[in-house]
Amino acid sequence: MELKKITLVAVLALIAVISFTKIAPWAGDPNTHKHTIEKTEEKIESVMILSGGSAATSATLSLLPGDMCTPIAEQLAELSKYFLVILSALYLEKFLVSLSGYIVFGLLLPITCVLLCAWIISGKRKWAETAGKIALIGIIIFLIVPASVKLSDLVYQTQASKVENAVEEYNGLEVEGDSEGGFFNEFTTITTETVDKITSFLESLLESLAVMIVTACVIPILVFVILIWFVKTLFASNVLTLDSGTIDALVDKLGKNKE
C-alpha cells in the first residue's frame, strides 16, 4: 500500500517538476508560436494602417471650408475608434498565445499534480475534485486561444481581400482641392473625383471593420462559449464526472492491505 502511494506521488511530483521547468518555458516561448504570432502581426499592421488612414483623412477633410465633407470626416473619425478596439483585441490575442501555455504548464498542471498527491496521501475526495476543476480550467485555457486564433485566421483568409483593398485605396488616396495657392483656404473646393475616392475608401473601411470585428472579437468569444457549453454538457451527462463510487473504488485500490 505505502509503496504504491509513494510511487504515484513520486510520478506526479516528477510530472509537476518537468511541466514547470521544461514544458512551461517551451510553451511560453514566442518562437514556439512563431507562425501564429506572424499572422497576428500582419493583421495588426493592417489595422494600424487603416486606423491611421481614417484619422488622417478625417483630419484633412476637417480643414476644408464649409460643411460639405463634415459628415464623412465625422464618420471616419468614429471608425478610427473602433479600429483601436480591434487593435487592442489583436494585441491581447498575441500575448495570450504564449502566456496561456505558460499558465497551464507552469501553474495549473503542477497545482493539479500537488492536489492529486494530497488526495492519494489523505484519501480525501475534496482534493481530487479540486484537482479536476483546476485541470478543466487548464484544458479550456489551453484550447481556447489556439482554437480561436486558428478559426479566426481561416475566416480572415476568406475575406482578406477586402482589408487589402482598403489598404491599397488609402495608399493611393490623395485629398485634393481646387484653390489658387495649392493650399486649403476659404476658397478651396473639393473635386468630385476626390469625393468619390473618399466615399469608396469609407465603404472599404466599413467592410474591413466588419471583417476585423468578426475575426478578432466575435469568433474568440464564440469559441470560449462553445468550449464552456461543451464541457458543461459532458459533466452534466456524467461522462467526465468522478462520482463517489468511482473515487471510493480508486481509494480502495490504493489502500489494499500489504500482502
C-alpha atoms as a PDB file:
ATOM      1  CA  MET A   1       0.000   0.000   0.000  1.00  0.00           C
ATOM      2  CA  GLU A   2       2.618   2.523   1.038  1.00  0.00           C
ATOM      3  CA  LEU A   3       4.880   1.615  -1.876  1.00  0.00           C
ATOM      4  CA  LYS A   4       2.088   2.222  -4.396  1.00  0.00           C
ATOM      5  CA  LYS A   5       1.249   5.559  -2.860  1.00  0.00           C
ATOM      6  CA  ILE A   6       4.880   6.635  -2.764  1.00  0.00           C
ATOM      7  CA  THR A   7       5.314   5.606  -6.401  1.00  0.00           C
ATOM      8  CA  LEU A   8       2.251   7.534  -7.559  1.00  0.00           C
ATOM      9  CA  VAL A   9       3.233  10.600  -5.553  1.00  0.00           C
ATOM     10  CA  ALA A  10       6.757  10.439  -6.983  1.00  0.00           C
ATOM     11  CA  VAL A  11       5.424  10.168 -10.548  1.00  0.00           C
ATOM     12  CA  LEU A  12       3.049  13.108 -10.059  1.00  0.00           C
ATOM     13  CA  ALA A  13       5.806  15.175  -8.464  1.00  0.00           C
ATOM     14  CA  LEU A  14       8.082  14.389 -11.411  1.00  0.00           C
ATOM     15  CA  ILE A  15       5.365  15.423 -13.863  1.00  0.00           C
ATOM     16  CA  ALA A  16       4.892  18.697 -11.975  1.00  0.00           C
ATOM     17  CA  VAL A  17       8.628  19.455 -11.997  1.00  0.00           C
ATOM     18  CA  ILE A  18       9.030  18.637 -15.694  1.00  0.00           C
ATOM     19  CA  SER A  19       5.966  20.691 -16.558  1.00  0.00           C
ATOM     20  CA  PHE A  20       7.214  23.716 -14.613  1.00  0.00           C
ATOM     21  CA  THR A  21      10.878  23.584 -15.619  1.00  0.00           C
ATOM     22  CA  LYS A  22      10.765  22.245 -19.191  1.00  0.00           C
ATOM     23  CA  ILE A  23       7.333  22.374 -20.806  1.00  0.00           C
ATOM     24  CA  ALA A  24       6.234  25.774 -19.451  1.00  0.00           C
ATOM     25  CA  PRO A  25       9.270  27.688 -20.815  1.00  0.00           C
ATOM     26  CA  TRP A  26       8.808  25.959 -24.167  1.00  0.00           C
ATOM     27  CA  ALA A  27       5.076  26.693 -24.272  1.00  0.00           C
ATOM     28  CA  GLY A  28       5.681  30.321 -23.254  1.00  0.00           C
ATOM     29  CA  ASP A  29       8.430  30.930 -25.816  1.00  0.00           C
ATOM     30  CA  PRO A  30       7.175  33.187 -28.673  1.00  0.00           C
ATOM     31  CA  ASN A  31       9.333  31.184 -31.110  1.00  0.00           C
ATOM     32  CA  THR A  32       7.140  28.168 -30.405  1.00  0.00           C
ATOM     33  CA  HIS A  33       4.162  30.083 -31.771  1.00  0.00           C
ATOM     34  CA  LYS A  34       6.075  31.946 -34.471  1.00  0.00           C
ATOM     35  CA  HIS A  35       3.624  31.257 -37.291  1.00  0.00           C
ATOM     36  CA  THR A  36       0.572  32.267 -35.254  1.00  0.00           C
ATOM     37  CA  ILE A  37       2.244  35.434 -33.984  1.00  0.00           C
ATOM     38  CA  GLU A  38       3.324  36.391 -37.514  1.00  0.00           C
ATOM     39  CA  LYS A  39      -0.250  36.069 -38.761  1.00  0.00           C
ATOM     40  CA  THR A  40      -1.491  38.199 -35.877  1.00  0.00           C
ATOM     41  CA  GLU A  41       1.166  40.838 -36.534  1.00  0.00           C
ATOM     42  CA  GLU A  42       0.063  41.044 -40.173  1.00  0.00           C
ATOM     43  CA  LYS A  43      -3.463  41.816 -39.010  1.00  0.00           C
ATOM     44  CA  ILE A  44      -2.120  44.370 -36.520  1.00  0.00           C
ATOM     45  CA  GLU A  45      -0.189  46.115 -39.280  1.00  0.00           C
ATOM     46  CA  SER A  46      -3.287  46.320 -41.490  1.00  0.00           C
ATOM     47  CA  VAL A  47      -5.417  47.643 -38.627  1.00  0.00           C
ATOM     48  CA  MET A  48      -2.837  50.291 -37.755  1.00  0.00           C
ATOM     49  CA  ILE A  49      -2.697  51.465 -41.379  1.00  0.00           C
ATOM     50  CA  LEU A  50      -6.481  51.658 -41.632  1.00  0.00           C
ATOM     51  CA  SER A  51      -6.856  53.309 -38.222  1.00  0.00           C
ATOM     52  CA  GLY A  52      -4.232  55.910 -39.022  1.00  0.00           C
ATOM     53  CA  GLY A  53      -5.668  56.360 -42.500  1.00  0.00           C
ATOM     54  CA  SER A  54      -9.176  57.025 -41.272  1.00  0.00           C
ATOM     55  CA  ALA A  55      -7.907  59.501 -38.654  1.00  0.00           C
ATOM     56  CA  ALA A  56      -5.600  61.291 -41.106  1.00  0.00           C
ATOM     57  CA  THR A  57      -8.274  61.526 -43.800  1.00  0.00           C
ATOM     58  CA  SER A  58     -10.779  62.811 -41.271  1.00  0.00           C
ATOM     59  CA  ALA A  59      -8.331  65.484 -40.102  1.00  0.00           C
ATOM     60  CA  THR A  60      -7.626  66.561 -43.692  1.00  0.00           C
ATOM     61  CA  LEU A  61     -11.313  66.816 -44.552  1.00  0.00           C
ATOM     62  CA  SER A  62     -11.973  68.874 -41.441  1.00  0.00           C
ATOM     63  CA  LEU A  63      -9.622  71.525 -42.824  1.00  0.00           C
ATOM     64  CA  LEU A  64     -11.874  72.123 -45.811  1.00  0.00           C
ATOM     65  CA  PRO A  65     -14.190  75.130 -45.559  1.00  0.00           C
ATOM     66  CA  GLY A  66     -17.910  74.597 -45.349  1.00  0.00           C
ATOM     67  CA  ASP A  67     -19.845  71.573 -44.089  1.00  0.00           C
ATOM     68  CA  MET A  68     -19.927  69.503 -47.259  1.00  0.00           C
ATOM     69  CA  CYS A  69     -17.375  66.921 -46.024  1.00  0.00           C
ATOM     70  CA  THR A  70     -18.150  67.191 -42.309  1.00  0.00           C
ATOM     71  CA  PRO A  71     -20.354  64.042 -42.180  1.00  0.00           C
ATOM     72  CA  ILE A  72     -17.656  61.973 -43.899  1.00  0.00           C
ATOM     73  CA  ALA A  73     -14.954  63.398 -41.631  1.00  0.00           C
ATOM     74  CA  GLU A  74     -17.003  62.557 -38.528  1.00  0.00           C
ATOM     75  CA  GLN A  75     -17.691  59.045 -39.785  1.00  0.00           C
ATOM     76  CA  LEU A  76     -14.004  58.427 -40.453  1.00  0.00           C
ATOM     77  CA  ALA A  77     -13.073  59.742 -37.001  1.00  0.00           C
ATOM     78  CA  GLU A  78     -15.632  57.393 -35.439  1.00  0.00           C
ATOM     79  CA  LEU A  79     -14.273  54.409 -37.354  1.00  0.00           C
ATOM     80  CA  SER A  80     -10.772  55.042 -36.043  1.00  0.00           C
ATOM     81  CA  LYS A  81     -12.105  54.441 -32.511  1.00  0.00           C
ATOM     82  CA  TYR A  82     -13.458  51.022 -33.479  1.00  0.00           C
ATOM     83  CA  PHE A  83     -10.165  50.111 -35.113  1.00  0.00           C
ATOM     84  CA  LEU A  84      -8.456  50.955 -31.810  1.00  0.00           C
ATOM     85  CA  VAL A  85     -10.669  48.397 -30.037  1.00  0.00           C
ATOM     86  CA  ILE A  86      -9.785  45.777 -32.658  1.00  0.00           C
ATOM     87  CA  LEU A  87      -6.098  46.625 -32.315  1.00  0.00           C
ATOM     88  CA  SER A  88      -6.316  46.070 -28.548  1.00  0.00           C
ATOM     89  CA  ALA A  89      -8.032  42.707 -29.108  1.00  0.00           C
ATOM     90  CA  LEU A  90      -5.313  41.602 -31.543  1.00  0.00           C
ATOM     91  CA  TYR A  91      -2.528  42.574 -29.135  1.00  0.00           C
ATOM     92  CA  LEU A  92      -4.296  40.668 -26.351  1.00  0.00           C
ATOM     93  CA  GLU A  93      -4.560  37.657 -28.657  1.00  0.00           C
ATOM     94  CA  LYS A  94      -0.849  37.930 -29.454  1.00  0.00           C
ATOM     95  CA  PHE A  95       0.104  37.995 -25.766  1.00  0.00           C
ATOM     96  CA  LEU A  96      -2.244  35.156 -24.796  1.00  0.00           C
ATOM     97  CA  VAL A  97      -0.832  32.802 -27.428  1.00  0.00           C
ATOM     98  CA  SER A  98       2.363  32.476 -25.392  1.00  0.00           C
ATOM     99  CA  LEU A  99       1.002  33.336 -21.957  1.00  0.00           C
ATOM    100  CA  SER A 100      -1.749  30.711 -21.944  1.00  0.00           C
ATOM    101  CA  GLY A 101       0.708  27.837 -22.424  1.00  0.00           C
ATOM    102  CA  TYR A 102       2.910  29.128 -19.616  1.00  0.00           C
ATOM    103  CA  ILE A 103      -0.074  29.478 -17.270  1.00  0.00           C
ATOM    104  CA  VAL A 104      -1.300  25.957 -17.987  1.00  0.00           C
ATOM    105  CA  PHE A 105       2.045  24.116 -17.764  1.00  0.00           C
ATOM    106  CA  GLY A 106       3.811  26.422 -15.322  1.00  0.00           C
ATOM    107  CA  LEU A 107       0.969  26.864 -12.841  1.00  0.00           C
ATOM    108  CA  LEU A 108      -2.221  24.861 -13.307  1.00  0.00           C
ATOM    109  CA  LEU A 109      -0.726  21.461 -14.158  1.00  0.00           C
ATOM    110  CA  PRO A 110       1.746  21.492 -11.223  1.00  0.00           C
ATOM    111  CA  ILE A 111      -1.047  22.550  -8.846  1.00  0.00           C
ATOM    112  CA  THR A 112      -3.214  19.712 -10.174  1.00  0.00           C
ATOM    113  CA  CYS A 113      -0.406  17.222  -9.544  1.00  0.00           C
ATOM    114  CA  VAL A 114       0.129  18.537  -5.999  1.00  0.00           C
ATOM    115  CA  LEU A 115      -3.597  18.226  -5.225  1.00  0.00           C
ATOM    116  CA  LEU A 116      -3.658  14.695  -6.600  1.00  0.00           C
ATOM    117  CA  CYS A 117      -0.718  13.866  -4.343  1.00  0.00           C
ATOM    118  CA  ALA A 118      -2.679  15.246  -1.386  1.00  0.00           C
ATOM    119  CA  TRP A 119      -5.643  13.085  -2.401  1.00  0.00           C
ATOM    120  CA  ILE A 120      -3.513   9.925  -2.651  1.00  0.00           C
ATOM    121  CA  ILE A 121      -1.902  10.552   0.747  1.00  0.00           C
ATOM    122  CA  SER A 122      -5.006  11.652   2.662  1.00  0.00           C
ATOM    123  CA  GLY A 123      -7.715   9.829   0.735  1.00  0.00           C
ATOM    124  CA  LYS A 124      -9.982  12.902   0.957  1.00  0.00           C
ATOM    125  CA  ARG A 125     -12.203  13.226  -2.103  1.00  0.00           C
ATOM    126  CA  LYS A 126     -12.242  17.041  -1.997  1.00  0.00           C
ATOM    127  CA  TRP A 127      -8.615  17.149  -3.169  1.00  0.00           C
ATOM    128  CA  ALA A 128      -9.461  15.059  -6.237  1.00  0.00           C
ATOM    129  CA  GLU A 129     -12.492  17.204  -7.017  1.00  0.00           C
ATOM    130  CA  THR A 130     -10.463  20.408  -6.746  1.00  0.00           C
ATOM    131  CA  ALA A 131      -7.751  18.929  -8.944  1.00  0.00           C
ATOM    132  CA  GLY A 132     -10.357  18.007 -11.533  1.00  0.00           C
ATOM    133  CA  LYS A 133     -11.738  21.538 -11.606  1.00  0.00           C
ATOM    134  CA  ILE A 134      -8.287  23.086 -11.991  1.00  0.00           C
ATOM    135  CA  ALA A 135      -7.440  20.580 -14.736  1.00  0.00           C
ATOM    136  CA  LEU A 136     -10.672  21.550 -16.503  1.00  0.00           C
ATOM    137  CA  ILE A 137      -9.764  25.233 -16.324  1.00  0.00           C
ATOM    138  CA  GLY A 138      -6.348  24.387 -17.743  1.00  0.00           C
ATOM    139  CA  ILE A 139      -7.869  22.465 -20.652  1.00  0.00           C
ATOM    140  CA  ILE A 140     -10.164  25.368 -21.503  1.00  0.00           C
ATOM    141  CA  ILE A 141      -7.333  27.907 -21.358  1.00  0.00           C
ATOM    142  CA  PHE A 142      -5.031  25.661 -23.374  1.00  0.00           C
ATOM    143  CA  LEU A 143      -7.626  25.051 -26.114  1.00  0.00           C
ATOM    144  CA  ILE A 144      -9.407  28.372 -26.378  1.00  0.00           C
ATOM    145  CA  VAL A 145      -6.519  30.542 -27.606  1.00  0.00           C
ATOM    146  CA  PRO A 146      -5.131  28.324 -30.407  1.00  0.00           C
ATOM    147  CA  ALA A 147      -8.633  27.245 -31.438  1.00  0.00           C
ATOM    148  CA  SER A 148      -9.917  30.817 -31.676  1.00  0.00           C
ATOM    149  CA  VAL A 149      -6.751  32.009 -33.456  1.00  0.00           C
ATOM    150  CA  LYS A 150      -6.943  29.183 -35.995  1.00  0.00           C
ATOM    151  CA  LEU A 151     -10.642  29.677 -36.669  1.00  0.00           C
ATOM    152  CA  SER A 152     -10.233  33.451 -36.876  1.00  0.00           C
ATOM    153  CA  ASP A 153      -7.382  33.048 -39.341  1.00  0.00           C
ATOM    154  CA  LEU A 154      -9.420  30.700 -41.538  1.00  0.00           C
ATOM    155  CA  VAL A 155     -12.318  33.145 -41.669  1.00  0.00           C
ATOM    156  CA  TYR A 156      -9.991  36.109 -42.161  1.00  0.00           C
ATOM    157  CA  GLN A 157      -8.274  34.477 -45.148  1.00  0.00           C
ATOM    158  CA  THR A 158     -11.614  34.237 -46.972  1.00  0.00           C
ATOM    159  CA  GLN A 159     -12.162  37.991 -46.549  1.00  0.00           C
ATOM    160  CA  ALA A 160      -8.561  39.238 -46.534  1.00  0.00           C
ATOM    161  CA  SER A 161      -9.000  40.795 -49.979  1.00  0.00           C
ATOM    162  CA  LYS A 162     -11.412  43.368 -48.529  1.00  0.00           C
ATOM    163  CA  VAL A 163      -8.831  44.524 -45.974  1.00  0.00           C
ATOM    164  CA  GLU A 164      -6.060  44.563 -48.567  1.00  0.00           C
ATOM    165  CA  ASN A 165      -8.261  46.563 -50.924  1.00  0.00           C
ATOM    166  CA  ALA A 166      -8.903  49.163 -48.212  1.00  0.00           C
ATOM    167  CA  VAL A 167      -5.164  49.466 -47.534  1.00  0.00           C
ATOM    168  CA  GLU A 168      -4.455  49.910 -51.257  1.00  0.00           C
ATOM    169  CA  GLU A 169      -7.151  52.571 -51.555  1.00  0.00           C
ATOM    170  CA  TYR A 170      -5.687  54.513 -48.648  1.00  0.00           C
ATOM    171  CA  ASN A 171      -2.166  54.312 -50.090  1.00  0.00           C
ATOM    172  CA  GLY A 172      -3.471  55.763 -53.330  1.00  0.00           C
ATOM    173  CA  LEU A 173      -5.759  58.319 -51.736  1.00  0.00           C
ATOM    174  CA  GLU A 174      -4.912  62.000 -52.086  1.00  0.00           C
ATOM    175  CA  VAL A 175      -7.337  64.623 -50.821  1.00  0.00           C
ATOM    176  CA  GLU A 176      -7.042  67.381 -53.388  1.00  0.00           C
ATOM    177  CA  GLY A 177      -8.854  70.677 -53.586  1.00  0.00           C
ATOM    178  CA  ASP A 178      -9.247  73.413 -56.158  1.00  0.00           C
ATOM    179  CA  SER A 179      -7.509  76.577 -54.943  1.00  0.00           C
ATOM    180  CA  GLU A 180      -5.100  79.024 -56.488  1.00  0.00           C
ATOM    181  CA  GLY A 181      -2.299  78.669 -53.968  1.00  0.00           C
ATOM    182  CA  GLY A 182      -2.443  74.886 -53.746  1.00  0.00           C
ATOM    183  CA  PHE A 183      -3.244  75.119 -50.014  1.00  0.00           C
ATOM    184  CA  PHE A 184      -6.553  74.735 -48.235  1.00  0.00           C
ATOM    185  CA  ASN A 185      -8.208  78.110 -47.606  1.00  0.00           C
ATOM    186  CA  GLU A 186     -11.660  79.623 -47.509  1.00  0.00           C
ATOM    187  CA  PHE A 187     -11.861  79.489 -51.310  1.00  0.00           C
ATOM    188  CA  THR A 188     -10.921  75.819 -51.607  1.00  0.00           C
ATOM    189  CA  THR A 189     -13.433  73.436 -53.166  1.00  0.00           C
ATOM    190  CA  ILE A 190     -13.046  69.659 -53.269  1.00  0.00           C
ATOM    191  CA  THR A 191     -13.314  67.900 -56.614  1.00  0.00           C
ATOM    192  CA  THR A 192     -15.994  65.335 -57.434  1.00  0.00           C
ATOM    193  CA  GLU A 193     -13.319  62.745 -58.210  1.00  0.00           C
ATOM    194  CA  THR A 194     -11.811  63.206 -54.754  1.00  0.00           C
ATOM    195  CA  VAL A 195     -15.230  62.864 -53.122  1.00  0.00           C
ATOM    196  CA  ASP A 196     -15.767  59.601 -54.996  1.00  0.00           C
ATOM    197  CA  LYS A 197     -12.366  58.293 -53.864  1.00  0.00           C
ATOM    198  CA  ILE A 198     -13.071  59.195 -50.231  1.00  0.00           C
ATOM    199  CA  THR A 199     -16.524  57.604 -50.390  1.00  0.00           C
ATOM    200  CA  SER A 200     -15.054  54.421 -51.858  1.00  0.00           C
ATOM    201  CA  PHE A 201     -12.391  54.408 -49.150  1.00  0.00           C
ATOM    202  CA  LEU A 202     -15.071  54.815 -46.481  1.00  0.00           C
ATOM    203  CA  GLU A 203     -17.031  51.861 -47.886  1.00  0.00           C
ATOM    204  CA  SER A 204     -13.878  49.721 -47.899  1.00  0.00           C
ATOM    205  CA  LEU A 205     -13.171  50.767 -44.308  1.00  0.00           C
ATOM    206  CA  LEU A 206     -16.634  49.671 -43.226  1.00  0.00           C
ATOM    207  CA  GLU A 207     -16.193  46.267 -44.886  1.00  0.00           C
ATOM    208  CA  SER A 208     -12.738  45.867 -43.325  1.00  0.00           C
ATOM    209  CA  LEU A 209     -14.090  46.865 -39.930  1.00  0.00           C
ATOM    210  CA  ALA A 210     -16.822  44.229 -40.161  1.00  0.00           C
ATOM    211  CA  VAL A 211     -14.251  41.543 -41.074  1.00  0.00           C
ATOM    212  CA  MET A 212     -11.951  42.563 -38.228  1.00  0.00           C
ATOM    213  CA  ILE A 213     -14.735  42.669 -35.641  1.00  0.00           C
ATOM    214  CA  VAL A 214     -15.853  39.153 -36.575  1.00  0.00           C
ATOM    215  CA  THR A 215     -12.356  37.634 -36.670  1.00  0.00           C
ATOM    216  CA  ALA A 216     -10.783  39.495 -33.735  1.00  0.00           C
ATOM    217  CA  CYS A 217     -13.726  39.832 -31.345  1.00  0.00           C
ATOM    218  CA  VAL A 218     -16.772  37.703 -32.189  1.00  0.00           C
ATOM    219  CA  ILE A 219     -15.066  34.393 -33.053  1.00  0.00           C
ATOM    220  CA  PRO A 220     -12.867  34.235 -29.889  1.00  0.00           C
ATOM    221  CA  ILE A 221     -15.938  34.885 -27.747  1.00  0.00           C
ATOM    222  CA  LEU A 222     -17.945  32.214 -29.590  1.00  0.00           C
ATOM    223  CA  VAL A 223     -15.129  29.676 -29.227  1.00  0.00           C
ATOM    224  CA  PHE A 224     -14.983  30.363 -25.482  1.00  0.00           C
ATOM    225  CA  VAL A 225     -18.765  29.991 -25.107  1.00  0.00           C
ATOM    226  CA  ILE A 226     -18.818  26.768 -27.154  1.00  0.00           C
ATOM    227  CA  LEU A 227     -15.991  25.228 -25.112  1.00  0.00           C
ATOM    228  CA  ILE A 228     -17.718  26.112 -21.851  1.00  0.00           C
ATOM    229  CA  TRP A 229     -21.002  24.677 -23.126  1.00  0.00           C
ATOM    230  CA  PHE A 230     -19.298  21.520 -24.380  1.00  0.00           C
ATOM    231  CA  VAL A 231     -17.525  20.858 -21.073  1.00  0.00           C
ATOM    232  CA  LYS A 232     -20.687  21.554 -19.065  1.00  0.00           C
ATOM    233  CA  THR A 233     -22.598  19.137 -21.301  1.00  0.00           C
ATOM    234  CA  LEU A 234     -20.037  16.411 -20.756  1.00  0.00           C
ATOM    235  CA  PHE A 235     -20.095  16.907 -16.996  1.00  0.00           C
ATOM    236  CA  ALA A 236     -23.877  17.066 -16.914  1.00  0.00           C
ATOM    237  CA  SER A 237     -24.048  13.713 -18.693  1.00  0.00           C
ATOM    238  CA  ASN A 238     -21.558  12.231 -16.198  1.00  0.00           C
ATOM    239  CA  VAL A 239     -19.078  11.438 -18.950  1.00  0.00           C
ATOM    240  CA  LEU A 240     -16.234  13.194 -17.163  1.00  0.00           C
ATOM    241  CA  THR A 241     -17.639  13.233 -13.642  1.00  0.00           C
ATOM    242  CA  LEU A 242     -15.840  11.243 -10.988  1.00  0.00           C
ATOM    243  CA  ASP A 243     -18.744  10.154  -8.813  1.00  0.00           C
ATOM    244  CA  SER A 244     -18.306   8.952  -5.255  1.00  0.00           C
ATOM    245  CA  GLY A 245     -18.352   5.274  -6.285  1.00  0.00           C
ATOM    246  CA  THR A 246     -15.521   5.733  -8.762  1.00  0.00           C
ATOM    247  CA  ILE A 247     -13.389   7.682  -6.316  1.00  0.00           C
ATOM    248  CA  ASP A 248     -14.050   5.189  -3.498  1.00  0.00           C
ATOM    249  CA  ALA A 249     -13.004   2.350  -5.808  1.00  0.00           C
ATOM    250  CA  LEU A 250      -9.748   4.148  -6.631  1.00  0.00           C
ATOM    251  CA  VAL A 251      -9.089   4.808  -2.966  1.00  0.00           C
ATOM    252  CA  ASP A 252      -9.770   1.175  -2.085  1.00  0.00           C
ATOM    253  CA  LYS A 253      -7.430   0.025  -4.835  1.00  0.00           C
ATOM    254  CA  LEU A 254      -4.673   2.250  -3.462  1.00  0.00           C
ATOM    255  CA  GLY A 255      -5.394   1.176   0.079  1.00  0.00           C
ATOM    256  CA  LYS A 256      -5.235  -2.568  -0.320  1.00  0.00           C
ATOM    257  CA  ASN A 257      -3.641  -4.496   2.503  1.00  0.00           C
ATOM    258  CA  LYS A 258       0.009  -5.344   2.242  1.00  0.00           C
ATOM    259  CA  GLU A 259       0.034  -8.838   1.021  1.00  0.00           C
END
